[in-house]
Amino acid sequence: MAAMKPHDSHEAPAAHGGEHGHSDRFYWIVAAVLAVVTALEVGLFLINEQELIAKWLEVVLLLILSTIKGAAVVMFFMHLRGDARVMKFVFIVPFSFAVTLCIAFLLIFRNYAGIAG
């Protein structure tokens, strides 16, 4: 029987490819980009109180901006960008399914006012 080598914690980062080794500056830049996108979302909402663009276009633009923010958070802060393909698949497939369901429900019930309406 072969002798087992004790686990050396210094070897772990090299085994993962070093993909997660971004500097603090990089994360601050990503956070700044996220803040700018958030400011664009809030600005779009506030500016469109005067109904300068169609409501459906506002919703589409807000969904696009939110998707950009969500993708950035997942890729950089949750480190999905450097993970194995199977982990990306495990995250992206259910997420895509959930987004598709949400869009389908929005389309199906777009004219439903509910009890209060």
PDB file of N, CA and C in Angstrom:
ATOM      1  N   MET A   1       0.849  -1.173   0.000  1.00  0.00           N
ATOM      2  CA  MET A   1       0.000   0.000   0.000  1.00  0.00           C
ATOM      3  C   MET A   1       0.896   1.238   0.000  1.00  0.00           C
ATOM      4  N   ALA A   2       0.606   2.185  -0.857  1.00  0.00           N
ATOM      5  CA  ALA A   2       1.409   3.403  -0.979  1.00  0.00           C
ATOM      6  C   ALA A   2       1.126   4.342   0.183  1.00  0.00           C
ATOM      7  N   ALA A   3       2.156   4.987   0.635  1.00  0.00           N
ATOM      8  CA  ALA A   3       2.008   5.943   1.731  1.00  0.00           C
ATOM      9  C   ALA A   3       1.331   7.201   1.205  1.00  0.00           C
ATOM     10  N   MET A   4       0.421   7.719   1.997  1.00  0.00           N
ATOM     11  CA  MET A   4      -0.303   8.922   1.594  1.00  0.00           C
ATOM     12  C   MET A   4       0.461  10.156   2.031  1.00  0.00           C
ATOM     13  N   LYS A   5       0.564  11.114   1.144  1.00  0.00           N
ATOM     14  CA  LYS A   5       1.251  12.363   1.424  1.00  0.00           C
ATOM     15  C   LYS A   5       0.290  13.302   2.158  1.00  0.00           C
ATOM     16  N   PRO A   6       0.710  13.942   3.248  1.00  0.00           N
ATOM     17  CA  PRO A   6      -0.191  14.879   3.931  1.00  0.00           C
ATOM     18  C   PRO A   6      -0.532  16.054   3.024  1.00  0.00           C
ATOM     19  N   HIS A   7      -1.723  16.570   3.208  1.00  0.00           N
ATOM     20  CA  HIS A   7      -2.215  17.677   2.384  1.00  0.00           C
ATOM     21  C   HIS A   7      -1.448  18.941   2.731  1.00  0.00           C
ATOM     22  N   ASP A   8      -0.841  19.527   1.725  1.00  0.00           N
ATOM     23  CA  ASP A   8      -0.097  20.768   1.906  1.00  0.00           C
ATOM     24  C   ASP A   8      -0.950  21.915   1.377  1.00  0.00           C
ATOM     25  N   SER A   9      -1.336  22.821   2.256  1.00  0.00           N
ATOM     26  CA  SER A   9      -2.240  23.901   1.855  1.00  0.00           C
ATOM     27  C   SER A   9      -1.588  24.876   0.874  1.00  0.00           C
ATOM     28  N   HIS A  10      -0.258  24.855   0.779  1.00  0.00           N
ATOM     29  CA  HIS A  10       0.410  25.766  -0.144  1.00  0.00           C
ATOM     30  C   HIS A  10       0.294  25.309  -1.587  1.00  0.00           C
ATOM     31  N   GLU A  11      -0.059  24.053  -1.822  1.00  0.00           N
ATOM     32  CA  GLU A  11      -0.186  23.551  -3.178  1.00  0.00           C
ATOM     33  C   GLU A  11      -1.573  23.800  -3.762  1.00  0.00           C
ATOM     34  N   ALA A  12      -2.548  24.113  -2.942  1.00  0.00           N
ATOM     35  CA  ALA A  12      -3.934  24.246  -3.406  1.00  0.00           C
ATOM     36  C   ALA A  12      -4.128  25.341  -4.455  1.00  0.00           C
ATOM     37  N   PRO A  13      -3.575  26.558  -4.287  1.00  0.00           N
ATOM     38  CA  PRO A  13      -3.818  27.575  -5.310  1.00  0.00           C
ATOM     39  C   PRO A  13      -3.269  27.185  -6.680  1.00  0.00           C
ATOM     40  N   ALA A  14      -2.141  26.513  -6.732  1.00  0.00           N
ATOM     41  CA  ALA A  14      -1.572  26.117  -8.012  1.00  0.00           C
ATOM     42  C   ALA A  14      -2.453  25.071  -8.695  1.00  0.00           C
ATOM     43  N   ALA A  15      -3.097  24.234  -7.886  1.00  0.00           N
ATOM     44  CA  ALA A  15      -3.957  23.198  -8.457  1.00  0.00           C
ATOM     45  C   ALA A  15      -5.198  23.799  -9.109  1.00  0.00           C
ATOM     46  N   HIS A  16      -5.588  24.966  -8.687  1.00  0.00           N
ATOM     47  CA  HIS A  16      -6.774  25.613  -9.247  1.00  0.00           C
ATOM     48  C   HIS A  16      -6.444  26.550 -10.393  1.00  0.00           C
ATOM     49  N   GLY A  17      -5.186  26.591 -10.772  1.00  0.00           N
ATOM     50  CA  GLY A  17      -4.815  27.378 -11.941  1.00  0.00           C
ATOM     51  C   GLY A  17      -4.535  28.836 -11.645  1.00  0.00           C
ATOM     52  N   GLY A  18      -4.684  29.294 -10.410  1.00  0.00           N
ATOM     53  CA  GLY A  18      -4.395  30.674 -10.073  1.00  0.00           C
ATOM     54  C   GLY A  18      -5.361  31.669 -10.687  1.00  0.00           C
ATOM     55  N   GLU A  19      -6.490  31.214 -11.198  1.00  0.00           N
ATOM     56  CA  GLU A  19      -7.457  32.085 -11.870  1.00  0.00           C
ATOM     57  C   GLU A  19      -8.113  33.052 -10.896  1.00  0.00           C
ATOM     58  N   HIS A  20      -8.155  32.693  -9.629  1.00  0.00           N
ATOM     59  CA  HIS A  20      -8.847  33.511  -8.633  1.00  0.00           C
ATOM     60  C   HIS A  20      -7.921  34.555  -8.012  1.00  0.00           C
ATOM     61  N   GLY A  21      -6.731  34.696  -8.502  1.00  0.00           N
ATOM     62  CA  GLY A  21      -5.747  35.556  -7.874  1.00  0.00           C
ATOM     63  C   GLY A  21      -5.781  36.993  -8.343  1.00  0.00           C
ATOM     64  N   HIS A  22      -6.938  37.611  -8.436  1.00  0.00           N
ATOM     65  CA  HIS A  22      -7.019  39.006  -8.844  1.00  0.00           C
ATOM     66  C   HIS A  22      -6.626  39.906  -7.688  1.00  0.00           C
ATOM     67  N   SER A  23      -6.128  41.074  -8.030  1.00  0.00           N
ATOM     68  CA  SER A  23      -5.719  42.035  -7.011  1.00  0.00           C
ATOM     69  C   SER A  23      -6.920  42.791  -6.459  1.00  0.00           C
ATOM     70  N   ASP A  24      -6.678  43.480  -5.347  1.00  0.00           N
ATOM     71  CA  ASP A  24      -7.742  44.300  -4.763  1.00  0.00           C
ATOM     72  C   ASP A  24      -8.174  45.397  -5.733  1.00  0.00           C
ATOM     73  N   ARG A  25      -7.224  45.929  -6.474  1.00  0.00           N
ATOM     74  CA  ARG A  25      -7.522  46.991  -7.438  1.00  0.00           C
ATOM     75  C   ARG A  25      -8.532  46.501  -8.485  1.00  0.00           C
ATOM     76  N   PHE A  26      -8.348  45.276  -8.947  1.00  0.00           N
ATOM     77  CA  PHE A  26      -9.261  44.697  -9.928  1.00  0.00           C
ATOM     78  C   PHE A  26     -10.686  44.655  -9.386  1.00  0.00           C
ATOM     79  N   TYR A  27     -10.841  44.211  -8.151  1.00  0.00           N
ATOM     80  CA  TYR A  27     -12.177  44.125  -7.561  1.00  0.00           C
ATOM     81  C   TYR A  27     -12.786  45.505  -7.342  1.00  0.00           C
ATOM     82  N   TRP A  28     -11.974  46.491  -7.024  1.00  0.00           N
ATOM     83  CA  TRP A  28     -12.486  47.856  -6.886  1.00  0.00           C
ATOM     84  C   TRP A  28     -12.960  48.402  -8.238  1.00  0.00           C
ATOM     85  N   ILE A  29     -12.247  48.047  -9.304  1.00  0.00           N
ATOM     86  CA  ILE A  29     -12.664  48.475 -10.637  1.00  0.00           C
ATOM     87  C   ILE A  29     -13.997  47.827 -11.004  1.00  0.00           C
ATOM     88  N   VAL A  30     -14.137  46.521 -10.735  1.00  0.00           N
ATOM     89  CA  VAL A  30     -15.395  45.828 -11.003  1.00  0.00           C
ATOM     90  C   VAL A  30     -16.520  46.455 -10.179  1.00  0.00           C
ATOM     91  N   ALA A  31     -16.250  46.770  -8.914  1.00  0.00           N
ATOM     92  CA  ALA A  31     -17.265  47.402  -8.066  1.00  0.00           C
ATOM     93  C   ALA A  31     -17.657  48.773  -8.611  1.00  0.00           C
ATOM     94  N   ALA A  32     -16.689  49.516  -9.131  1.00  0.00           N
ATOM     95  CA  ALA A  32     -16.990  50.835  -9.709  1.00  0.00           C
ATOM     96  C   ALA A  32     -17.860  50.692 -10.958  1.00  0.00           C
ATOM     97  N   VAL A  33     -17.561  49.706 -11.786  1.00  0.00           N
ATOM     98  CA  VAL A  33     -18.382  49.474 -12.977  1.00  0.00           C
ATOM     99  C   VAL A  33     -19.806  49.101 -12.561  1.00  0.00           C
ATOM    100  N   LEU A  34     -19.934  48.258 -11.543  1.00  0.00           N
ATOM    101  CA  LEU A  34     -21.261  47.893 -11.040  1.00  0.00           C
ATOM    102  C   LEU A  34     -22.003  49.112 -10.501  1.00  0.00           C
ATOM    103  N   ALA A  35     -21.289  50.009  -9.837  1.00  0.00           N
ATOM    104  CA  ALA A  35     -21.916  51.227  -9.326  1.00  0.00           C
ATOM    105  C   ALA A  35     -22.391  52.122 -10.467  1.00  0.00           C
ATOM    106  N   VAL A  36     -21.606  52.212 -11.533  1.00  0.00           N
ATOM    107  CA  VAL A  36     -21.999  53.024 -12.689  1.00  0.00           C
ATOM    108  C   VAL A  36     -23.248  52.436 -13.348  1.00  0.00           C
ATOM    109  N   VAL A  37     -23.288  51.107 -13.504  1.00  0.00           N
ATOM    110  CA  VAL A  37     -24.462  50.470 -14.104  1.00  0.00           C
ATOM    111  C   VAL A  37     -25.688  50.687 -13.220  1.00  0.00           C
ATOM    112  N   THR A  38     -25.515  50.607 -11.899  1.00  0.00           N
ATOM    113  CA  THR A  38     -26.620  50.870 -10.978  1.00  0.00           C
ATOM    114  C   THR A  38     -27.106  52.314 -11.113  1.00  0.00           C
ATOM    115  N   ALA A  39     -26.167  53.250 -11.235  1.00  0.00           N
ATOM    116  CA  ALA A  39     -26.544  54.656 -11.420  1.00  0.00           C
ATOM    117  C   ALA A  39     -27.314  54.837 -12.731  1.00  0.00           C
ATOM    118  N   LEU A  40     -26.908  54.128 -13.772  1.00  0.00           N
ATOM    119  CA  LEU A  40     -27.646  54.187 -15.044  1.00  0.00           C
ATOM    120  C   LEU A  40     -29.064  53.658 -14.882  1.00  0.00           C
ATOM    121  N   GLU A  41     -29.217  52.573 -14.127  1.00  0.00           N
ATOM    122  CA  GLU A  41     -30.551  52.020 -13.893  1.00  0.00           C
ATOM    123  C   GLU A  41     -31.441  53.007 -13.153  1.00  0.00           C
ATOM    124  N   VAL A  42     -30.912  53.580 -12.089  1.00  0.00           N
ATOM    125  CA  VAL A  42     -31.689  54.543 -11.297  1.00  0.00           C
ATOM    126  C   VAL A  42     -32.001  55.777 -12.140  1.00  0.00           C
ATOM    127  N   GLY A  43     -30.999  56.254 -12.889  1.00  0.00           N
ATOM    128  CA  GLY A  43     -31.215  57.412 -13.751  1.00  0.00           C
ATOM    129  C   GLY A  43     -32.267  57.151 -14.813  1.00  0.00           C
ATOM    130  N   LEU A  44     -32.231  55.980 -15.413  1.00  0.00           N
ATOM    131  CA  LEU A  44     -33.234  55.616 -16.414  1.00  0.00           C
ATOM    132  C   LEU A  44     -34.630  55.617 -15.811  1.00  0.00           C
ATOM    133  N   PHE A  45     -34.753  55.070 -14.626  1.00  0.00           N
ATOM    134  CA  PHE A  45     -36.056  55.030 -13.956  1.00  0.00           C
ATOM    135  C   PHE A  45     -36.550  56.438 -13.625  1.00  0.00           C
ATOM    136  N   LEU A  46     -35.671  57.279 -13.095  1.00  0.00           N
ATOM    137  CA  LEU A  46     -36.075  58.635 -12.704  1.00  0.00           C
ATOM    138  C   LEU A  46     -36.379  59.517 -13.909  1.00  0.00           C
ATOM    139  N   ILE A  47     -35.568  59.395 -14.941  1.00  0.00           N
ATOM    140  CA  ILE A  47     -35.787  60.202 -16.138  1.00  0.00           C
ATOM    141  C   ILE A  47     -37.082  59.806 -16.834  1.00  0.00           C
ATOM    142  N   ASN A  48     -37.391  58.537 -16.813  1.00  0.00           N
ATOM    143  CA  ASN A  48     -38.580  58.079 -17.539  1.00  0.00           C
ATOM    144  C   ASN A  48     -39.875  58.309 -16.755  1.00  0.00           C
ATOM    145  N   GLU A  49     -39.817  59.004 -15.635  1.00  0.00           N
ATOM    146  CA  GLU A  49     -41.061  59.396 -14.966  1.00  0.00           C
ATOM    147  C   GLU A  49     -41.851  60.373 -15.830  1.00  0.00           C
ATOM    148  N   GLN A  50     -41.155  61.074 -16.722  1.00  0.00           N
ATOM    149  CA  GLN A  50     -41.837  61.960 -17.664  1.00  0.00           C
ATOM    150  C   GLN A  50     -42.284  61.192 -18.900  1.00  0.00           C
ATOM    151  N   GLU A  51     -42.113  59.875 -18.895  1.00  0.00           N
ATOM    152  CA  GLU A  51     -42.525  58.989 -19.991  1.00  0.00           C
ATOM    153  C   GLU A  51     -41.916  59.415 -21.322  1.00  0.00           C
ATOM    154  N   LEU A  52     -40.597  59.580 -21.326  1.00  0.00           N
ATOM    155  CA  LEU A  52     -39.887  59.957 -22.546  1.00  0.00           C
ATOM    156  C   LEU A  52     -39.733  58.784 -23.511  1.00  0.00           C
ATOM    157  N   ILE A  53     -39.669  57.581 -22.962  1.00  0.00           N
ATOM    158  CA  ILE A  53     -39.599  56.392 -23.810  1.00  0.00           C
ATOM    159  C   ILE A  53     -40.735  55.450 -23.407  1.00  0.00           C
ATOM    160  N   ALA A  54     -41.033  54.511 -24.272  1.00  0.00           N
ATOM    161  CA  ALA A  54     -42.110  53.559 -23.996  1.00  0.00           C
ATOM    162  C   ALA A  54     -41.762  52.714 -22.776  1.00  0.00           C
ATOM    163  N   LYS A  55     -42.782  52.342 -22.032  1.00  0.00           N
ATOM    164  CA  LYS A  55     -42.580  51.558 -20.809  1.00  0.00           C
ATOM    165  C   LYS A  55     -41.907  50.219 -21.110  1.00  0.00           C
ATOM    166  N   TRP A  56     -42.291  49.581 -22.225  1.00  0.00           N
ATOM    167  CA  TRP A  56     -41.692  48.285 -22.555  1.00  0.00           C
ATOM    168  C   TRP A  56     -40.209  48.430 -22.842  1.00  0.00           C
ATOM    169  N   LEU A  57     -39.807  49.558 -23.457  1.00  0.00           N
ATOM    170  CA  LEU A  57     -38.394  49.789 -23.738  1.00  0.00           C
ATOM    171  C   LEU A  57     -37.618  50.028 -22.443  1.00  0.00           C
ATOM    172  N   GLU A  58     -38.239  50.757 -21.531  1.00  0.00           N
ATOM    173  CA  GLU A  58     -37.608  50.977 -20.221  1.00  0.00           C
ATOM    174  C   GLU A  58     -37.370  49.642 -19.520  1.00  0.00           C
ATOM    175  N   VAL A  59     -38.370  48.766 -19.540  1.00  0.00           N
ATOM    176  CA  VAL A  59     -38.239  47.461 -18.888  1.00  0.00           C
ATOM    177  C   VAL A  59     -37.146  46.638 -19.556  1.00  0.00           C
ATOM    178  N   VAL A  60     -37.099  46.646 -20.873  1.00  0.00           N
ATOM    179  CA  VAL A  60     -36.071  45.892 -21.596  1.00  0.00           C
ATOM    180  C   VAL A  60     -34.676  46.414 -21.250  1.00  0.00           C
ATOM    181  N   LEU A  61     -34.514  47.742 -21.239  1.00  0.00           N
ATOM    182  CA  LEU A  61     -33.215  48.323 -20.895  1.00  0.00           C
ATOM    183  C   LEU A  61     -32.815  47.991 -19.454  1.00  0.00           C
ATOM    184  N   LEU A  62     -33.771  48.057 -18.541  1.00  0.00           N
ATOM    185  CA  LEU A  62     -33.471  47.708 -17.150  1.00  0.00           C
ATOM    186  C   LEU A  62     -33.106  46.238 -17.007  1.00  0.00           C
ATOM    187  N   LEU A  63     -33.771  45.364 -17.744  1.00  0.00           N
ATOM    188  CA  LEU A  63     -33.426  43.940 -17.709  1.00  0.00           C
ATOM    189  C   LEU A  63     -32.028  43.688 -18.267  1.00  0.00           C
ATOM    190  N   ILE A  64     -31.669  44.394 -19.333  1.00  0.00           N
ATOM    191  CA  ILE A  64     -30.327  44.243 -19.904  1.00  0.00           C
ATOM    192  C   ILE A  64     -29.266  44.708 -18.915  1.00  0.00           C
ATOM    193  N   LEU A  65     -29.479  45.869 -18.312  1.00  0.00           N
ATOM    194  CA  LEU A  65     -28.517  46.384 -17.339  1.00  0.00           C
ATOM    195  C   LEU A  65     -28.413  45.466 -16.120  1.00  0.00           C
ATOM    196  N   SER A  66     -29.527  44.936 -15.677  1.00  0.00           N
ATOM    197  CA  SER A  66     -29.510  44.011 -14.541  1.00  0.00           C
ATOM    198  C   SER A  66     -28.787  42.713 -14.884  1.00  0.00           C
ATOM    199  N   THR A  67     -28.953  42.252 -16.110  1.00  0.00           N
ATOM    200  CA  THR A  67     -28.254  41.047 -16.543  1.00  0.00           C
ATOM    201  C   THR A  67     -26.748  41.274 -16.584  1.00  0.00           C
ATOM    202  N   ILE A  68     -26.334  42.435 -17.041  1.00  0.00           N
ATOM    203  CA  ILE A  68     -24.907  42.774 -17.056  1.00  0.00           C
ATOM    204  C   ILE A  68     -24.355  42.767 -15.632  1.00  0.00           C
ATOM    205  N   LYS A  69     -25.079  43.394 -14.712  1.00  0.00           N
ATOM    206  CA  LYS A  69     -24.623  43.415 -13.316  1.00  0.00           C
ATOM    207  C   LYS A  69     -24.567  42.018 -12.721  1.00  0.00           C
ATOM    208  N   GLY A  70     -25.609  41.242 -12.947  1.00  0.00           N
ATOM    209  CA  GLY A  70     -25.637  39.888 -12.404  1.00  0.00           C
ATOM    210  C   GLY A  70     -24.509  39.032 -12.947  1.00  0.00           C
ATOM    211  N   ALA A  71     -24.251  39.148 -14.247  1.00  0.00           N
ATOM    212  CA  ALA A  71     -23.169  38.378 -14.856  1.00  0.00           C
ATOM    213  C   ALA A  71     -21.815  38.787 -14.279  1.00  0.00           C
ATOM    214  N   ALA A  72     -21.612  40.075 -14.062  1.00  0.00           N
ATOM    215  CA  ALA A  72     -20.342  40.537 -13.489  1.00  0.00           C
ATOM    216  C   ALA A  72     -20.155  40.010 -12.072  1.00  0.00           C
ATOM    217  N   VAL A  73     -21.204  40.035 -11.280  1.00  0.00           N
ATOM    218  CA  VAL A  73     -21.111  39.524  -9.909  1.00  0.00           C
ATOM    219  C   VAL A  73     -20.788  38.035  -9.918  1.00  0.00           C
ATOM    220  N   VAL A  74     -21.475  37.286 -10.765  1.00  0.00           N
ATOM    221  CA  VAL A  74     -21.247  35.842 -10.826  1.00  0.00           C
ATOM    222  C   VAL A  74     -19.844  35.531 -11.334  1.00  0.00           C
ATOM    223  N   MET A  75     -19.402  36.221 -12.371  1.00  0.00           N
ATOM    224  CA  MET A  75     -18.093  35.922 -12.953  1.00  0.00           C
ATOM    225  C   MET A  75     -16.940  36.302 -12.044  1.00  0.00           C
ATOM    226  N   PHE A  76     -17.027  37.459 -11.414  1.00  0.00           N
ATOM    227  CA  PHE A  76     -15.861  37.957 -10.692  1.00  0.00           C
ATOM    228  C   PHE A  76     -15.933  37.759  -9.179  1.00  0.00           C
ATOM    229  N   PHE A  77     -17.053  38.038  -8.554  1.00  0.00           N
ATOM    230  CA  PHE A  77     -17.128  37.917  -7.103  1.00  0.00           C
ATOM    231  C   PHE A  77     -17.445  36.498  -6.655  1.00  0.00           C
ATOM    232  N   MET A  78     -18.187  35.749  -7.472  1.00  0.00           N
ATOM    233  CA  MET A  78     -18.453  34.344  -7.143  1.00  0.00           C
ATOM    234  C   MET A  78     -17.443  33.420  -7.827  1.00  0.00           C
ATOM    235  N   HIS A  79     -16.530  33.999  -8.586  1.00  0.00           N
ATOM    236  CA  HIS A  79     -15.416  33.294  -9.225  1.00  0.00           C
ATOM    237  C   HIS A  79     -15.853  32.200 -10.192  1.00  0.00           C
ATOM    238  N   LEU A  80     -17.014  32.341 -10.801  1.00  0.00           N
ATOM    239  CA  LEU A  80     -17.468  31.340 -11.764  1.00  0.00           C
ATOM    240  C   LEU A  80     -16.616  31.372 -13.031  1.00  0.00           C
ATOM    241  N   ARG A  81     -16.033  32.508 -13.312  1.00  0.00           N
ATOM    242  CA  ARG A  81     -15.232  32.664 -14.525  1.00  0.00           C
ATOM    243  C   ARG A  81     -14.059  31.690 -14.559  1.00  0.00           C
ATOM    244  N   GLY A  82     -13.485  31.385 -13.420  1.00  0.00           N
ATOM    245  CA  GLY A  82     -12.318  30.515 -13.383  1.00  0.00           C
ATOM    246  C   GLY A  82     -12.634  29.081 -13.010  1.00  0.00           C
ATOM    247  N   ASP A  83     -13.891  28.741 -12.815  1.00  0.00           N
ATOM    248  CA  ASP A  83     -14.257  27.385 -12.411  1.00  0.00           C
ATOM    249  C   ASP A  83     -14.286  26.433 -13.599  1.00  0.00           C
ATOM    250  N   ALA A  84     -14.400  25.167 -13.267  1.00  0.00           N
ATOM    251  CA  ALA A  84     -14.488  24.135 -14.294  1.00  0.00           C
ATOM    252  C   ALA A  84     -15.788  24.293 -15.077  1.00  0.00           C
ATOM    253  N   ARG A  85     -15.803  23.763 -16.286  1.00  0.00           N
ATOM    254  CA  ARG A  85     -16.979  23.884 -17.145  1.00  0.00           C
ATOM    255  C   ARG A  85     -18.218  23.254 -16.530  1.00  0.00           C
ATOM    256  N   VAL A  86     -18.044  22.154 -15.824  1.00  0.00           N
ATOM    257  CA  VAL A  86     -19.208  21.501 -15.230  1.00  0.00           C
ATOM    258  C   VAL A  86     -19.871  22.408 -14.191  1.00  0.00           C
ATOM    259  N   MET A  87     -19.083  23.183 -13.447  1.00  0.00           N
ATOM    260  CA  MET A  87     -19.650  24.095 -12.450  1.00  0.00           C
ATOM    261  C   MET A  87     -20.389  25.243 -13.139  1.00  0.00           C
ATOM    262  N   LYS A  88     -19.862  25.710 -14.260  1.00  0.00           N
ATOM    263  CA  LYS A  88     -20.570  26.736 -15.027  1.00  0.00           C
ATOM    264  C   LYS A  88     -21.897  26.187 -15.522  1.00  0.00           C
ATOM    265  N   PHE A  89     -21.874  24.953 -16.003  1.00  0.00           N
ATOM    266  CA  PHE A  89     -23.084  24.304 -16.508  1.00  0.00           C
ATOM    267  C   PHE A  89     -24.114  24.154 -15.399  1.00  0.00           C
ATOM    268  N   VAL A  90     -23.652  23.740 -14.211  1.00  0.00           N
ATOM    269  CA  VAL A  90     -24.554  23.543 -13.072  1.00  0.00           C
ATOM    270  C   VAL A  90     -25.199  24.861 -12.655  1.00  0.00           C
ATOM    271  N   PHE A  91     -24.531  25.970 -12.844  1.00  0.00           N
ATOM    272  CA  PHE A  91     -25.096  27.271 -12.492  1.00  0.00           C
ATOM    273  C   PHE A  91     -25.939  27.845 -13.625  1.00  0.00           C
ATOM    274  N   ILE A  92     -25.421  27.816 -14.835  1.00  0.00           N
ATOM    275  CA  ILE A  92     -26.045  28.536 -15.943  1.00  0.00           C
ATOM    276  C   ILE A  92     -27.346  27.883 -16.408  1.00  0.00           C
ATOM    277  N   VAL A  93     -27.407  26.555 -16.451  1.00  0.00           N
ATOM    278  CA  VAL A  93     -28.619  25.890 -16.948  1.00  0.00           C
ATOM    279  C   VAL A  93     -29.833  26.184 -16.065  1.00  0.00           C
ATOM    280  N   PRO A  94     -29.775  25.985 -14.738  1.00  0.00           N
ATOM    281  CA  PRO A  94     -30.954  26.331 -13.929  1.00  0.00           C
ATOM    282  C   PRO A  94     -31.272  27.826 -13.957  1.00  0.00           C
ATOM    283  N   PHE A  95     -30.240  28.659 -14.011  1.00  0.00           N
ATOM    284  CA  PHE A  95     -30.464  30.098 -14.077  1.00  0.00           C
ATOM    285  C   PHE A  95     -31.196  30.464 -15.367  1.00  0.00           C
ATOM    286  N   SER A  96     -30.770  29.893 -16.484  1.00  0.00           N
ATOM    287  CA  SER A  96     -31.435  30.153 -17.769  1.00  0.00           C
ATOM    288  C   SER A  96     -32.879  29.683 -17.736  1.00  0.00           C
ATOM    289  N   PHE A  97     -33.106  28.536 -17.129  1.00  0.00           N
ATOM    290  CA  PHE A  97     -34.466  28.013 -17.001  1.00  0.00           C
ATOM    291  C   PHE A  97     -35.339  28.970 -16.185  1.00  0.00           C
ATOM    292  N   ALA A  98     -34.802  29.482 -15.079  1.00  0.00           N
ATOM    293  CA  ALA A  98     -35.554  30.400 -14.223  1.00  0.00           C
ATOM    294  C   ALA A  98     -35.862  31.709 -14.957  1.00  0.00           C
ATOM    295  N   VAL A  99     -34.898  32.232 -15.678  1.00  0.00           N
ATOM    296  CA  VAL A  99     -35.113  33.472 -16.434  1.00  0.00           C
ATOM    297  C   VAL A  99     -36.175  33.259 -17.509  1.00  0.00           C
ATOM    298  N   THR A 100     -36.107  32.120 -18.195  1.00  0.00           N
ATOM    299  CA  THR A 100     -37.097  31.813 -19.221  1.00  0.00           C
ATOM    300  C   THR A 100     -38.498  31.730 -18.623  1.00  0.00           C
ATOM    301  N   LEU A 101     -38.615  31.093 -17.466  1.00  0.00           N
ATOM    302  CA  LEU A 101     -39.914  31.008 -16.798  1.00  0.00           C
ATOM    303  C   LEU A 101     -40.431  32.388 -16.392  1.00  0.00           C
ATOM    304  N   CYS A 102     -39.563  33.225 -15.864  1.00  0.00           N
ATOM    305  CA  CYS A 102     -39.978  34.575 -15.464  1.00  0.00           C
ATOM    306  C   CYS A 102     -40.472  35.373 -16.669  1.00  0.00           C
ATOM    307  N   ILE A 103     -39.738  35.299 -17.757  1.00  0.00           N
ATOM    308  CA  ILE A 103     -40.158  36.022 -18.961  1.00  0.00           C
ATOM    309  C   ILE A 103     -41.485  35.469 -19.481  1.00  0.00           C
ATOM    310  N   ALA A 104     -41.632  34.154 -19.457  1.00  0.00           N
ATOM    311  CA  ALA A 104     -42.886  33.544 -19.919  1.00  0.00           C
ATOM    312  C   ALA A 104     -44.060  33.997 -19.059  1.00  0.00           C
ATOM    313  N   PHE A 105     -43.886  34.006 -17.736  1.00  0.00           N
ATOM    314  CA  PHE A 105     -44.967  34.447 -16.854  1.00  0.00           C
ATOM    315  C   PHE A 105     -45.293  35.920 -17.063  1.00  0.00           C
ATOM    316  N   LEU A 106     -44.268  36.739 -17.282  1.00  0.00           N
ATOM    317  CA  LEU A 106     -44.520  38.159 -17.559  1.00  0.00           C
ATOM    318  C   LEU A 106     -45.327  38.336 -18.844  1.00  0.00           C
ATOM    319  N   LEU A 107     -44.994  37.552 -19.847  1.00  0.00           N
ATOM    320  CA  LEU A 107     -45.733  37.646 -21.107  1.00  0.00           C
ATOM    321  C   LEU A 107     -47.151  37.103 -20.989  1.00  0.00           C
ATOM    322  N   ILE A 108     -47.318  35.998 -20.255  1.00  0.00           N
ATOM    323  CA  ILE A 108     -48.637  35.396 -20.119  1.00  0.00           C
ATOM    324  C   ILE A 108     -49.586  36.301 -19.332  1.00  0.00           C
ATOM    325  N   PHE A 109     -49.081  36.905 -18.259  1.00  0.00           N
ATOM    326  CA  PHE A 109     -49.941  37.683 -17.370  1.00  0.00           C
ATOM    327  C   PHE A 109     -49.769  39.190 -17.536  1.00  0.00           C
ATOM    328  N   ARG A 110     -49.299  39.645 -18.679  1.00  0.00           N
ATOM    329  CA  ARG A 110     -49.046  41.073 -18.877  1.00  0.00           C
ATOM    330  C   ARG A 110     -50.330  41.915 -18.831  1.00  0.00           C
ATOM    331  N   ASN A 111     -51.480  41.345 -19.145  1.00  0.00           N
ATOM    332  CA  ASN A 111     -52.729  42.105 -19.132  1.00  0.00           C
ATOM    333  C   ASN A 111     -53.573  41.839 -17.900  1.00  0.00           C
ATOM    334  N   TYR A 112     -53.061  41.057 -16.982  1.00  0.00           N
ATOM    335  CA  TYR A 112     -53.817  40.718 -15.777  1.00  0.00           C
ATOM    336  C   TYR A 112     -53.591  41.790 -14.706  1.00  0.00           C
ATOM    337  N   ALA A 113     -54.667  42.393 -14.218  1.00  0.00           N
ATOM    338  CA  ALA A 113     -54.554  43.465 -13.239  1.00  0.00           C
ATOM    339  C   ALA A 113     -54.574  42.954 -11.816  1.00  0.00           C
ATOM    340  N   GLY A 114     -55.048  41.760 -11.585  1.00  0.00           N
ATOM    341  CA  GLY A 114     -55.085  41.198 -10.239  1.00  0.00           C
ATOM    342  C   GLY A 114     -56.315  41.623  -9.487  1.00  0.00           C
ATOM    343  N   ILE A 115     -56.360  41.285  -8.218  1.00  0.00           N
ATOM    344  CA  ILE A 115     -57.521  41.570  -7.372  1.00  0.00           C
ATOM    345  C   ILE A 115     -57.657  43.072  -7.139  1.00  0.00           C
ATOM    346  N   ALA A 116     -56.539  43.739  -6.884  1.00  0.00           N
ATOM    347  CA  ALA A 116     -56.590  45.164  -6.553  1.00  0.00           C
ATOM    348  C   ALA A 116     -56.864  46.033  -7.774  1.00  0.00           C
ATOM    349  N   GLY A 117     -56.602  45.515  -8.960  1.00  0.00           N
ATOM    350  CA  GLY A 117     -56.715  46.331 -10.179  1.00  0.00           C
ATOM    351  C   GLY A 117     -58.070  46.288 -10.737  1.00  0.00           C
TER     352      GLY A 117
END
